Amino acid sequence: MPAALLDAVKRFTDGQAGTSPFATAIEGLTILRSDHEKRPDHLIFKPALCIVLQGAKWAVFGDRHVDYRAGQALVVSVEMPAFGRVAEASPTEPYLGLIIEFDLAIMREVLEAMPNPPRPGGDITSGVFVTDFDGPLADCALRMVRLLDTPGAIPVLHTAIMREISYWLLTGPHGGDVVRMALGNDHTHRIVSVIHGLRGHFAEPMRIEDLAERAGMSPSAFHRKFKTITSMTPLQYQKQLRLLEARRLMVAEAANVETAAFLVGYESPSQFSREYARMFGTPPRRDVTALRGLAA
C-alpha cells in the first residue's frame, strides 16, 4: 500500500471531530479509522470497493466468512446485510480504510467504450469477493482523497477518477466478475431486481413463489441462485433487514420494542425479541440501552 495514500488518510482522520465512519465532501466516499479492535456488529453493505489501508477486517455474509487486510479490498456487488468486525488495530497503528461506492452507470459507460471488453464468466457467482489493491487503483484512491483538499475540483474531477477505477477493475484479474456486476446475465439482473424490491419492501409478507415468479424462475432455481449471490436465503435476507431497521428505529428515533417490531413487519413482539436476541446477542431493550450509552 503506497505510503502517500496511507499518510493522506491518516492526516484526514487526525483533523476530524467525532468518530468513524467519516462522511466526506465526495458523495460515495467514506473514510474509516479505529484505534482499537471493535466488537462484531451488523451493518448493510452497499455496492462498493471497501479498501483496507492499515489493519484488518472480516465480514460474514450469510454463511460466507471473508477476511481482508492492508493492501486488499472487498468488492461488494449488491446491497447485503452482513456481520463484520475490525480485527486488527491499535493506537500506534490504527485501522484505516476507505469505502468507495460504485456508480454502475459510469461502469457501464466505461465497459461500452472499451475496444476489447472482458466477458462475464460462467454462471452467477457470489456477490462479494476480495482483490488485491495496488498500482493504478491505489493511485486513483490517492487522487480522490487529495481532492478533499480542493473542494472546487470535486465536481470537475471526481467522475474522471471513478471512470479510471471502473477501467482498472474491469481489466484486472476479476474483470469477469466486475462485468457481471455491471451488466450481468438475464438471471443475474432478475435476481438483483428482486433483491432491490425486497430491500424496499422488507416489512411486507414474503412468499418465495411470488419472488420467483417476479424473477421468471422456478422457486427452487430462484432460491438456489439467490443464495449463491447473497450467501443467505431470501428469508434470512429479509429477517436481517427487518432487525437492522428495528434497531435503527429504537436507537435513532426512540421507538419502543413493540412499535419497532410492528413497523418492520412482525406481528408478535415476543417473536421479534427472540429473533433480535439471536442476531444481536442480547434482548432489544438491553441492546438499545447499551448502544445509547456508547453514543452519549
C-alpha atoms as a PDB file:
ATOM      1  CA  MET A   1       0.000   0.000   0.000  1.00  0.00           C
ATOM      2  CA  PRO A   2       1.568   3.338  -1.085  1.00  0.00           C
ATOM      3  CA  ALA A   3       2.773   5.366   1.911  1.00  0.00           C
ATOM      4  CA  ALA A   4       1.345   8.554   0.358  1.00  0.00           C
ATOM      5  CA  LEU A   5      -2.211   7.159   0.426  1.00  0.00           C
ATOM      6  CA  LEU A   6      -1.841   5.931   3.997  1.00  0.00           C
ATOM      7  CA  ASP A   7      -0.457   9.321   5.082  1.00  0.00           C
ATOM      8  CA  ALA A   8      -3.243  11.225   3.315  1.00  0.00           C
ATOM      9  CA  VAL A   9      -5.960   9.194   5.026  1.00  0.00           C
ATOM     10  CA  LYS A  10      -4.286   9.372   8.423  1.00  0.00           C
ATOM     11  CA  ARG A  11      -3.907  13.156   8.077  1.00  0.00           C
ATOM     12  CA  PHE A  12      -7.592  13.472   7.159  1.00  0.00           C
ATOM     13  CA  THR A  13      -8.753  11.430  10.158  1.00  0.00           C
ATOM     14  CA  ASP A  14      -6.399  13.295  12.529  1.00  0.00           C
ATOM     15  CA  GLY A  15      -8.221  16.509  11.649  1.00  0.00           C
ATOM     16  CA  GLN A  16     -11.762  15.207  12.141  1.00  0.00           C
ATOM     17  CA  ALA A  17     -14.041  15.731  15.104  1.00  0.00           C
ATOM     18  CA  GLY A  18     -16.337  12.922  16.153  1.00  0.00           C
ATOM     19  CA  THR A  19     -15.898   9.263  15.423  1.00  0.00           C
ATOM     20  CA  SER A  20     -15.574   6.998  12.414  1.00  0.00           C
ATOM     21  CA  PRO A  21     -17.091   6.493   9.876  1.00  0.00           C
ATOM     22  CA  PHE A  22     -16.306   9.918   8.408  1.00  0.00           C
ATOM     23  CA  ALA A  23     -18.526  11.140   5.580  1.00  0.00           C
ATOM     24  CA  THR A  24     -16.687  13.360   3.108  1.00  0.00           C
ATOM     25  CA  ALA A  25     -17.461  16.117   0.630  1.00  0.00           C
ATOM     26  CA  ILE A  26     -17.271  13.488  -2.112  1.00  0.00           C
ATOM     27  CA  GLU A  27     -20.540  11.602  -2.461  1.00  0.00           C
ATOM     28  CA  GLY A  28     -19.935   7.892  -2.007  1.00  0.00           C
ATOM     29  CA  LEU A  29     -16.523   8.257  -0.339  1.00  0.00           C
ATOM     30  CA  THR A  30     -16.342   7.324   3.341  1.00  0.00           C
ATOM     31  CA  ILE A  31     -13.163   7.179   5.419  1.00  0.00           C
ATOM     32  CA  LEU A  32     -12.783   4.748   8.312  1.00  0.00           C
ATOM     33  CA  ARG A  33     -10.498   4.725  11.333  1.00  0.00           C
ATOM     34  CA  SER A  34     -10.364   2.679  14.520  1.00  0.00           C
ATOM     35  CA  ASP A  35      -7.629   2.870  17.158  1.00  0.00           C
ATOM     36  CA  HIS A  36      -8.637  -0.490  18.631  1.00  0.00           C
ATOM     37  CA  GLU A  37     -10.254  -3.745  17.607  1.00  0.00           C
ATOM     38  CA  LYS A  38     -14.034  -3.490  17.585  1.00  0.00           C
ATOM     39  CA  ARG A  39     -16.696  -5.881  18.715  1.00  0.00           C
ATOM     40  CA  PRO A  40     -18.604  -7.541  15.872  1.00  0.00           C
ATOM     41  CA  ASP A  41     -21.527  -5.552  14.575  1.00  0.00           C
ATOM     42  CA  HIS A  42     -24.260  -5.883  11.965  1.00  0.00           C
ATOM     43  CA  LEU A  43     -24.440  -3.470   9.056  1.00  0.00           C
ATOM     44  CA  ILE A  44     -25.621  -3.159   5.478  1.00  0.00           C
ATOM     45  CA  PHE A  45     -23.004  -3.147   2.725  1.00  0.00           C
ATOM     46  CA  LYS A  46     -23.831  -1.141  -0.385  1.00  0.00           C
ATOM     47  CA  PRO A  47     -22.223  -1.979  -3.760  1.00  0.00           C
ATOM     48  CA  ALA A  48     -18.738  -0.621  -3.175  1.00  0.00           C
ATOM     49  CA  LEU A  49     -14.995  -1.038  -3.040  1.00  0.00           C
ATOM     50  CA  CYS A  50     -14.109  -1.473   0.659  1.00  0.00           C
ATOM     51  CA  ILE A  51     -10.367  -0.859   0.935  1.00  0.00           C
ATOM     52  CA  VAL A  52      -8.108  -1.671   3.896  1.00  0.00           C
ATOM     53  CA  LEU A  53      -5.058   0.600   4.110  1.00  0.00           C
ATOM     54  CA  GLN A  54      -3.840  -0.500   7.537  1.00  0.00           C
ATOM     55  CA  GLY A  55      -5.018  -3.247   9.880  1.00  0.00           C
ATOM     56  CA  ALA A  56      -7.540  -5.962   9.043  1.00  0.00           C
ATOM     57  CA  LYS A  57     -11.275  -6.693   8.980  1.00  0.00           C
ATOM     58  CA  TRP A  58     -13.576  -9.621   8.478  1.00  0.00           C
ATOM     59  CA  ALA A  59     -17.194  -9.845   7.429  1.00  0.00           C
ATOM     60  CA  VAL A  60     -19.794 -12.605   7.334  1.00  0.00           C
ATOM     61  CA  PHE A  61     -22.418 -12.618   4.575  1.00  0.00           C
ATOM     62  CA  GLY A  62     -24.901 -15.342   5.428  1.00  0.00           C
ATOM     63  CA  ASP A  63     -22.779 -18.483   5.655  1.00  0.00           C
ATOM     64  CA  ARG A  64     -19.701 -16.973   3.983  1.00  0.00           C
ATOM     65  CA  HIS A  65     -16.776 -15.581   6.038  1.00  0.00           C
ATOM     66  CA  VAL A  66     -14.444 -13.113   4.272  1.00  0.00           C
ATOM     67  CA  ASP A  67     -11.114 -11.798   5.619  1.00  0.00           C
ATOM     68  CA  TYR A  68      -9.372  -8.779   4.102  1.00  0.00           C
ATOM     69  CA  ARG A  69      -6.390  -6.761   5.277  1.00  0.00           C
ATOM     70  CA  ALA A  70      -3.964  -3.986   4.301  1.00  0.00           C
ATOM     71  CA  GLY A  71      -3.398  -3.998   0.565  1.00  0.00           C
ATOM     72  CA  GLN A  72      -6.714  -5.704  -0.170  1.00  0.00           C
ATOM     73  CA  ALA A  73     -10.247  -4.596  -0.973  1.00  0.00           C
ATOM     74  CA  LEU A  74     -13.612  -6.242  -0.546  1.00  0.00           C
ATOM     75  CA  VAL A  75     -15.743  -5.798  -3.659  1.00  0.00           C
ATOM     76  CA  VAL A  76     -19.490  -5.862  -2.941  1.00  0.00           C
ATOM     77  CA  SER A  77     -21.759  -6.059  -5.976  1.00  0.00           C
ATOM     78  CA  VAL A  78     -25.245  -5.939  -4.432  1.00  0.00           C
ATOM     79  CA  GLU A  79     -26.656  -4.416  -1.259  1.00  0.00           C
ATOM     80  CA  MET A  80     -26.429  -7.003   1.505  1.00  0.00           C
ATOM     81  CA  PRO A  81     -26.718  -7.207   5.292  1.00  0.00           C
ATOM     82  CA  ALA A  82     -23.576  -8.556   6.961  1.00  0.00           C
ATOM     83  CA  PHE A  83     -21.830  -9.124  10.278  1.00  0.00           C
ATOM     84  CA  GLY A  84     -18.375  -7.527  10.481  1.00  0.00           C
ATOM     85  CA  ARG A  85     -15.510  -6.556  12.741  1.00  0.00           C
ATOM     86  CA  VAL A  86     -12.261  -4.581  12.788  1.00  0.00           C
ATOM     87  CA  ALA A  87      -9.911  -7.431  13.674  1.00  0.00           C
ATOM     88  CA  GLU A  88      -6.555  -5.667  13.794  1.00  0.00           C
ATOM     89  CA  ALA A  89      -5.992  -2.127  15.131  1.00  0.00           C
ATOM     90  CA  SER A  90      -4.091  -0.273  17.850  1.00  0.00           C
ATOM     91  CA  PRO A  91      -3.459   3.348  18.934  1.00  0.00           C
ATOM     92  CA  THR A  92       0.008   3.246  17.310  1.00  0.00           C
ATOM     93  CA  GLU A  93      -1.222   1.535  14.112  1.00  0.00           C
ATOM     94  CA  PRO A  94      -4.951   2.287  13.766  1.00  0.00           C
ATOM     95  CA  TYR A  95      -7.200   0.530  11.331  1.00  0.00           C
ATOM     96  CA  LEU A  96      -7.579   2.819   8.297  1.00  0.00           C
ATOM     97  CA  GLY A  97      -9.859   2.207   5.363  1.00  0.00           C
ATOM     98  CA  LEU A  98     -11.853   3.718   2.516  1.00  0.00           C
ATOM     99  CA  ILE A  99     -15.277   2.913   1.108  1.00  0.00           C
ATOM    100  CA  ILE A 100     -15.814   3.985  -2.497  1.00  0.00           C
ATOM    101  CA  GLU A 101     -19.394   3.319  -3.581  1.00  0.00           C
ATOM    102  CA  PHE A 102     -19.827   2.215  -7.187  1.00  0.00           C
ATOM    103  CA  ASP A 103     -21.578   4.221  -9.860  1.00  0.00           C
ATOM    104  CA  LEU A 104     -22.839   1.458 -12.122  1.00  0.00           C
ATOM    105  CA  ALA A 105     -23.866   3.941 -14.820  1.00  0.00           C
ATOM    106  CA  ILE A 106     -20.241   5.100 -15.109  1.00  0.00           C
ATOM    107  CA  MET A 107     -19.044   1.488 -15.068  1.00  0.00           C
ATOM    108  CA  ARG A 108     -21.360   0.611 -17.953  1.00  0.00           C
ATOM    109  CA  GLU A 109     -20.158   3.657 -19.942  1.00  0.00           C
ATOM    110  CA  VAL A 110     -16.542   2.564 -19.479  1.00  0.00           C
ATOM    111  CA  LEU A 111     -17.386  -1.001 -20.487  1.00  0.00           C
ATOM    112  CA  GLU A 112     -19.117   0.191 -23.665  1.00  0.00           C
ATOM    113  CA  ALA A 113     -16.101   2.374 -24.574  1.00  0.00           C
ATOM    114  CA  MET A 114     -13.572  -0.469 -24.252  1.00  0.00           C
ATOM    115  CA  PRO A 115     -12.454  -1.891 -27.640  1.00  0.00           C
ATOM    116  CA  ASN A 116     -11.968  -5.371 -26.131  1.00  0.00           C
ATOM    117  CA  PRO A 117     -14.201  -5.555 -23.059  1.00  0.00           C
ATOM    118  CA  PRO A 118     -13.917  -8.553 -20.731  1.00  0.00           C
ATOM    119  CA  ARG A 119     -16.677 -11.127 -20.842  1.00  0.00           C
ATOM    120  CA  PRO A 120     -18.719 -12.153 -17.831  1.00  0.00           C
ATOM    121  CA  GLY A 121     -17.503 -15.592 -16.825  1.00  0.00           C
ATOM    122  CA  GLY A 122     -19.645 -18.586 -16.106  1.00  0.00           C
ATOM    123  CA  ASP A 123     -22.868 -18.662 -14.133  1.00  0.00           C
ATOM    124  CA  ILE A 124     -23.977 -16.470 -11.239  1.00  0.00           C
ATOM    125  CA  THR A 125     -21.319 -16.247  -8.531  1.00  0.00           C
ATOM    126  CA  SER A 126     -21.129 -14.724  -5.071  1.00  0.00           C
ATOM    127  CA  GLY A 127     -21.887 -11.021  -4.801  1.00  0.00           C
ATOM    128  CA  VAL A 128     -18.672 -10.411  -2.832  1.00  0.00           C
ATOM    129  CA  PHE A 129     -15.003 -11.133  -3.470  1.00  0.00           C
ATOM    130  CA  VAL A 130     -11.596  -9.926  -2.252  1.00  0.00           C
ATOM    131  CA  THR A 131      -8.985  -8.478  -4.598  1.00  0.00           C
ATOM    132  CA  ASP A 132      -5.500  -7.002  -4.209  1.00  0.00           C
ATOM    133  CA  PHE A 133      -5.484  -3.220  -4.099  1.00  0.00           C
ATOM    134  CA  ASP A 134      -2.341  -1.636  -5.502  1.00  0.00           C
ATOM    135  CA  GLY A 135      -0.901   0.006  -8.609  1.00  0.00           C
ATOM    136  CA  PRO A 136      -3.304   2.176 -10.641  1.00  0.00           C
ATOM    137  CA  LEU A 137      -6.254   1.525  -8.301  1.00  0.00           C
ATOM    138  CA  ALA A 138      -4.284   2.807  -5.312  1.00  0.00           C
ATOM    139  CA  ASP A 139      -3.219   5.834  -7.362  1.00  0.00           C
ATOM    140  CA  CYS A 140      -6.875   6.605  -8.138  1.00  0.00           C
ATOM    141  CA  ALA A 141      -7.776   6.357  -4.444  1.00  0.00           C
ATOM    142  CA  LEU A 142      -4.930   8.725  -3.524  1.00  0.00           C
ATOM    143  CA  ARG A 143      -6.068  11.327  -6.031  1.00  0.00           C
ATOM    144  CA  MET A 144      -9.639  11.009  -4.793  1.00  0.00           C
ATOM    145  CA  VAL A 145      -8.594  11.598  -1.170  1.00  0.00           C
ATOM    146  CA  ARG A 146      -6.436  14.565  -2.226  1.00  0.00           C
ATOM    147  CA  LEU A 147      -9.481  16.123  -3.900  1.00  0.00           C
ATOM    148  CA  LEU A 148     -10.816  16.729  -0.387  1.00  0.00           C
ATOM    149  CA  ASP A 149      -8.183  19.491  -0.053  1.00  0.00           C
ATOM    150  CA  THR A 150      -9.632  21.325  -3.062  1.00  0.00           C
ATOM    151  CA  PRO A 151     -13.449  21.085  -2.868  1.00  0.00           C
ATOM    152  CA  GLY A 152     -13.901  23.163  -6.016  1.00  0.00           C
ATOM    153  CA  ALA A 153     -12.228  20.436  -8.059  1.00  0.00           C
ATOM    154  CA  ILE A 154     -14.533  17.653  -6.861  1.00  0.00           C
ATOM    155  CA  PRO A 155     -17.406  18.157  -9.352  1.00  0.00           C
ATOM    156  CA  VAL A 156     -14.886  18.507 -12.213  1.00  0.00           C
ATOM    157  CA  LEU A 157     -12.524  15.602 -11.493  1.00  0.00           C
ATOM    158  CA  HIS A 158     -14.412  13.071  -9.398  1.00  0.00           C
ATOM    159  CA  THR A 159     -16.243  11.467 -12.323  1.00  0.00           C
ATOM    160  CA  ALA A 160     -12.974  11.033 -14.227  1.00  0.00           C
ATOM    161  CA  ILE A 161     -11.427   9.201 -11.267  1.00  0.00           C
ATOM    162  CA  MET A 162     -14.490   6.945 -10.979  1.00  0.00           C
ATOM    163  CA  ARG A 163     -14.097   6.122 -14.676  1.00  0.00           C
ATOM    164  CA  GLU A 164     -10.476   5.151 -14.044  1.00  0.00           C
ATOM    165  CA  ILE A 165     -11.428   2.964 -11.097  1.00  0.00           C
ATOM    166  CA  SER A 166     -14.025   1.222 -13.263  1.00  0.00           C
ATOM    167  CA  TYR A 167     -11.471   0.671 -16.029  1.00  0.00           C
ATOM    168  CA  TRP A 168      -8.828  -0.859 -13.770  1.00  0.00           C
ATOM    169  CA  LEU A 169     -11.369  -3.128 -12.096  1.00  0.00           C
ATOM    170  CA  LEU A 170     -12.717  -4.259 -15.468  1.00  0.00           C
ATOM    171  CA  THR A 171      -9.222  -5.000 -16.814  1.00  0.00           C
ATOM    172  CA  GLY A 172      -7.983  -6.601 -13.597  1.00  0.00           C
ATOM    173  CA  PRO A 173      -7.898 -10.278 -12.573  1.00  0.00           C
ATOM    174  CA  HIS A 174     -11.570 -10.174 -11.523  1.00  0.00           C
ATOM    175  CA  GLY A 175     -12.753  -8.358 -14.657  1.00  0.00           C
ATOM    176  CA  GLY A 176     -15.306 -11.045 -15.471  1.00  0.00           C
ATOM    177  CA  ASP A 177     -16.877 -10.714 -12.027  1.00  0.00           C
ATOM    178  CA  VAL A 178     -16.988  -6.918 -12.369  1.00  0.00           C
ATOM    179  CA  VAL A 179     -18.647  -7.200 -15.790  1.00  0.00           C
ATOM    180  CA  ARG A 180     -21.264  -9.462 -14.251  1.00  0.00           C
ATOM    181  CA  MET A 181     -21.836  -6.799 -11.587  1.00  0.00           C
ATOM    182  CA  ALA A 182     -22.190  -4.039 -14.201  1.00  0.00           C
ATOM    183  CA  LEU A 183     -24.254  -5.950 -16.738  1.00  0.00           C
ATOM    184  CA  GLY A 184     -24.867  -9.481 -15.604  1.00  0.00           C
ATOM    185  CA  ASN A 185     -26.846 -12.065 -17.497  1.00  0.00           C
ATOM    186  CA  ASP A 186     -30.615 -12.179 -17.535  1.00  0.00           C
ATOM    187  CA  HIS A 187     -30.817 -14.298 -14.394  1.00  0.00           C
ATOM    188  CA  THR A 188     -28.411 -12.036 -12.512  1.00  0.00           C
ATOM    189  CA  HIS A 189     -30.423  -8.932 -13.387  1.00  0.00           C
ATOM    190  CA  ARG A 190     -33.664 -10.592 -12.348  1.00  0.00           C
ATOM    191  CA  ILE A 191     -32.247 -11.717  -9.010  1.00  0.00           C
ATOM    192  CA  VAL A 192     -30.745  -8.277  -8.340  1.00  0.00           C
ATOM    193  CA  SER A 193     -34.058  -6.634  -9.276  1.00  0.00           C
ATOM    194  CA  VAL A 194     -35.858  -8.840  -6.760  1.00  0.00           C
ATOM    195  CA  ILE A 195     -33.227  -8.023  -4.116  1.00  0.00           C
ATOM    196  CA  HIS A 196     -33.828  -4.307  -4.680  1.00  0.00           C
ATOM    197  CA  GLY A 197     -37.567  -4.840  -4.337  1.00  0.00           C
ATOM    198  CA  LEU A 198     -37.084  -6.857  -1.175  1.00  0.00           C
ATOM    199  CA  ARG A 199     -34.840  -4.126   0.205  1.00  0.00           C
ATOM    200  CA  GLY A 200     -37.564  -1.550  -0.272  1.00  0.00           C
ATOM    201  CA  HIS A 201     -40.464  -3.696   0.993  1.00  0.00           C
ATOM    202  CA  PHE A 202     -38.917  -5.928   3.639  1.00  0.00           C
ATOM    203  CA  ALA A 203     -41.713  -5.176   6.128  1.00  0.00           C
ATOM    204  CA  GLU A 204     -44.272  -6.830   3.868  1.00  0.00           C
ATOM    205  CA  PRO A 205     -45.091 -10.567   3.934  1.00  0.00           C
ATOM    206  CA  MET A 206     -42.919 -12.576   1.548  1.00  0.00           C
ATOM    207  CA  ARG A 207     -43.628 -15.739  -0.435  1.00  0.00           C
ATOM    208  CA  ILE A 208     -40.784 -17.440  -2.305  1.00  0.00           C
ATOM    209  CA  GLU A 209     -43.233 -18.365  -5.076  1.00  0.00           C
ATOM    210  CA  ASP A 210     -44.060 -14.686  -5.682  1.00  0.00           C
ATOM    211  CA  LEU A 211     -40.397 -13.645  -5.728  1.00  0.00           C
ATOM    212  CA  ALA A 212     -39.525 -16.496  -8.075  1.00  0.00           C
ATOM    213  CA  GLU A 213     -42.356 -15.546 -10.429  1.00  0.00           C
ATOM    214  CA  ARG A 214     -41.100 -11.954 -10.476  1.00  0.00           C
ATOM    215  CA  ALA A 215     -37.653 -13.277 -11.431  1.00  0.00           C
ATOM    216  CA  GLY A 216     -39.122 -15.570 -14.084  1.00  0.00           C
ATOM    217  CA  MET A 217     -37.676 -18.663 -12.424  1.00  0.00           C
ATOM    218  CA  SER A 218     -38.866 -21.762 -10.630  1.00  0.00           C
ATOM    219  CA  PRO A 219     -38.936 -21.442  -6.809  1.00  0.00           C
ATOM    220  CA  SER A 220     -36.087 -23.952  -6.410  1.00  0.00           C
ATOM    221  CA  ALA A 221     -33.854 -22.264  -9.012  1.00  0.00           C
ATOM    222  CA  PHE A 222     -34.601 -18.829  -7.589  1.00  0.00           C
ATOM    223  CA  HIS A 223     -33.825 -19.958  -4.031  1.00  0.00           C
ATOM    224  CA  ARG A 224     -30.525 -21.532  -5.163  1.00  0.00           C
ATOM    225  CA  LYS A 225     -29.333 -18.557  -7.221  1.00  0.00           C
ATOM    226  CA  PHE A 226     -30.403 -16.011  -4.582  1.00  0.00           C
ATOM    227  CA  LYS A 227     -28.268 -17.848  -2.020  1.00  0.00           C
ATOM    228  CA  THR A 228     -25.336 -18.042  -4.438  1.00  0.00           C
ATOM    229  CA  ILE A 229     -25.271 -14.253  -4.759  1.00  0.00           C
ATOM    230  CA  THR A 230     -26.005 -13.282  -1.145  1.00  0.00           C
ATOM    231  CA  SER A 231     -24.810 -16.380   0.771  1.00  0.00           C
ATOM    232  CA  MET A 232     -28.173 -16.402   2.554  1.00  0.00           C
ATOM    233  CA  THR A 233     -31.737 -17.445   1.819  1.00  0.00           C
ATOM    234  CA  PRO A 234     -34.403 -14.851   0.924  1.00  0.00           C
ATOM    235  CA  LEU A 235     -35.971 -15.358   4.359  1.00  0.00           C
ATOM    236  CA  GLN A 236     -32.634 -14.776   6.120  1.00  0.00           C
ATOM    237  CA  TYR A 237     -32.042 -11.678   3.977  1.00  0.00           C
ATOM    238  CA  GLN A 238     -35.463 -10.250   4.865  1.00  0.00           C
ATOM    239  CA  LYS A 239     -35.059 -11.071   8.554  1.00  0.00           C
ATOM    240  CA  GLN A 240     -31.676  -9.328   8.806  1.00  0.00           C
ATOM    241  CA  LEU A 241     -33.016  -6.219   7.055  1.00  0.00           C
ATOM    242  CA  ARG A 242     -36.011  -6.124   9.401  1.00  0.00           C
ATOM    243  CA  LEU A 243     -33.919  -6.441  12.557  1.00  0.00           C
ATOM    244  CA  LEU A 244     -31.339  -3.879  11.428  1.00  0.00           C
ATOM    245  CA  GLU A 245     -34.093  -1.352  10.685  1.00  0.00           C
ATOM    246  CA  ALA A 246     -35.792  -2.086  14.024  1.00  0.00           C
ATOM    247  CA  ARG A 247     -32.510  -1.456  15.815  1.00  0.00           C
ATOM    248  CA  ARG A 248     -32.133   1.868  13.991  1.00  0.00           C
ATOM    249  CA  LEU A 249     -35.691   2.885  14.876  1.00  0.00           C
ATOM    250  CA  MET A 250     -35.146   2.152  18.575  1.00  0.00           C
ATOM    251  CA  VAL A 251     -31.727   3.838  18.802  1.00  0.00           C
ATOM    252  CA  ALA A 252     -32.153   6.819  16.479  1.00  0.00           C
ATOM    253  CA  GLU A 253     -35.885   7.502  16.754  1.00  0.00           C
ATOM    254  CA  ALA A 254     -36.594   6.251  20.294  1.00  0.00           C
ATOM    255  CA  ALA A 255     -39.244   3.755  19.145  1.00  0.00           C
ATOM    256  CA  ASN A 256     -40.225   1.230  21.790  1.00  0.00           C
ATOM    257  CA  VAL A 257     -39.853  -2.508  21.191  1.00  0.00           C
ATOM    258  CA  GLU A 258     -43.484  -3.118  20.243  1.00  0.00           C
ATOM    259  CA  THR A 259     -43.625  -0.181  17.805  1.00  0.00           C
ATOM    260  CA  ALA A 260     -40.340  -1.123  16.130  1.00  0.00           C
ATOM    261  CA  ALA A 261     -41.450  -4.742  15.786  1.00  0.00           C
ATOM    262  CA  PHE A 262     -44.725  -3.706  14.142  1.00  0.00           C
ATOM    263  CA  LEU A 263     -43.091  -1.180  11.772  1.00  0.00           C
ATOM    264  CA  VAL A 264     -40.661  -3.748  10.357  1.00  0.00           C
ATOM    265  CA  GLY A 265     -43.329  -6.393   9.797  1.00  0.00           C
ATOM    266  CA  TYR A 266     -43.533  -8.509  12.966  1.00  0.00           C
ATOM    267  CA  GLU A 267     -46.971  -9.358  14.314  1.00  0.00           C
ATOM    268  CA  SER A 268     -45.592 -10.853  17.551  1.00  0.00           C
ATOM    269  CA  PRO A 269     -43.321  -8.715  19.794  1.00  0.00           C
ATOM    270  CA  SER A 270     -42.189 -11.884  21.578  1.00  0.00           C
ATOM    271  CA  GLN A 271     -41.070 -13.497  18.316  1.00  0.00           C
ATOM    272  CA  PHE A 272     -39.340 -10.235  17.390  1.00  0.00           C
ATOM    273  CA  SER A 273     -37.484 -10.171  20.726  1.00  0.00           C
ATOM    274  CA  ARG A 274     -36.362 -13.799  20.346  1.00  0.00           C
ATOM    275  CA  GLU A 275     -35.025 -13.262  16.809  1.00  0.00           C
ATOM    276  CA  TYR A 276     -33.447  -9.933  17.794  1.00  0.00           C
ATOM    277  CA  ALA A 277     -31.575 -11.589  20.674  1.00  0.00           C
ATOM    278  CA  ARG A 278     -30.361 -14.383  18.389  1.00  0.00           C
ATOM    279  CA  MET A 279     -28.981 -11.872  15.883  1.00  0.00           C
ATOM    280  CA  PHE A 280     -27.517  -9.239  18.205  1.00  0.00           C
ATOM    281  CA  GLY A 281     -26.706 -11.431  21.204  1.00  0.00           C
ATOM    282  CA  THR A 282     -28.908  -9.605  23.715  1.00  0.00           C
ATOM    283  CA  PRO A 283     -32.607  -8.630  24.063  1.00  0.00           C
ATOM    284  CA  PRO A 284     -33.688  -5.411  22.325  1.00  0.00           C
ATOM    285  CA  ARG A 285     -34.135  -3.185  25.400  1.00  0.00           C
ATOM    286  CA  ARG A 286     -30.760  -4.131  26.844  1.00  0.00           C
ATOM    287  CA  ASP A 287     -29.034  -3.771  23.464  1.00  0.00           C
ATOM    288  CA  VAL A 288     -30.539  -0.345  22.784  1.00  0.00           C
ATOM    289  CA  THR A 289     -29.656   0.907  26.288  1.00  0.00           C
ATOM    290  CA  ALA A 290     -26.032  -0.161  25.732  1.00  0.00           C
ATOM    291  CA  LEU A 291     -25.876   1.475  22.281  1.00  0.00           C
ATOM    292  CA  ARG A 292     -27.274   4.758  23.607  1.00  0.00           C
ATOM    293  CA  GLY A 293     -24.689   4.665  26.385  1.00  0.00           C
ATOM    294  CA  LEU A 294     -21.895   4.297  23.823  1.00  0.00           C
ATOM    295  CA  ALA A 295     -23.215   7.254  21.848  1.00  0.00           C
ATOM    296  CA  ALA A 296     -23.567   9.527  24.893  1.00  0.00           C
END
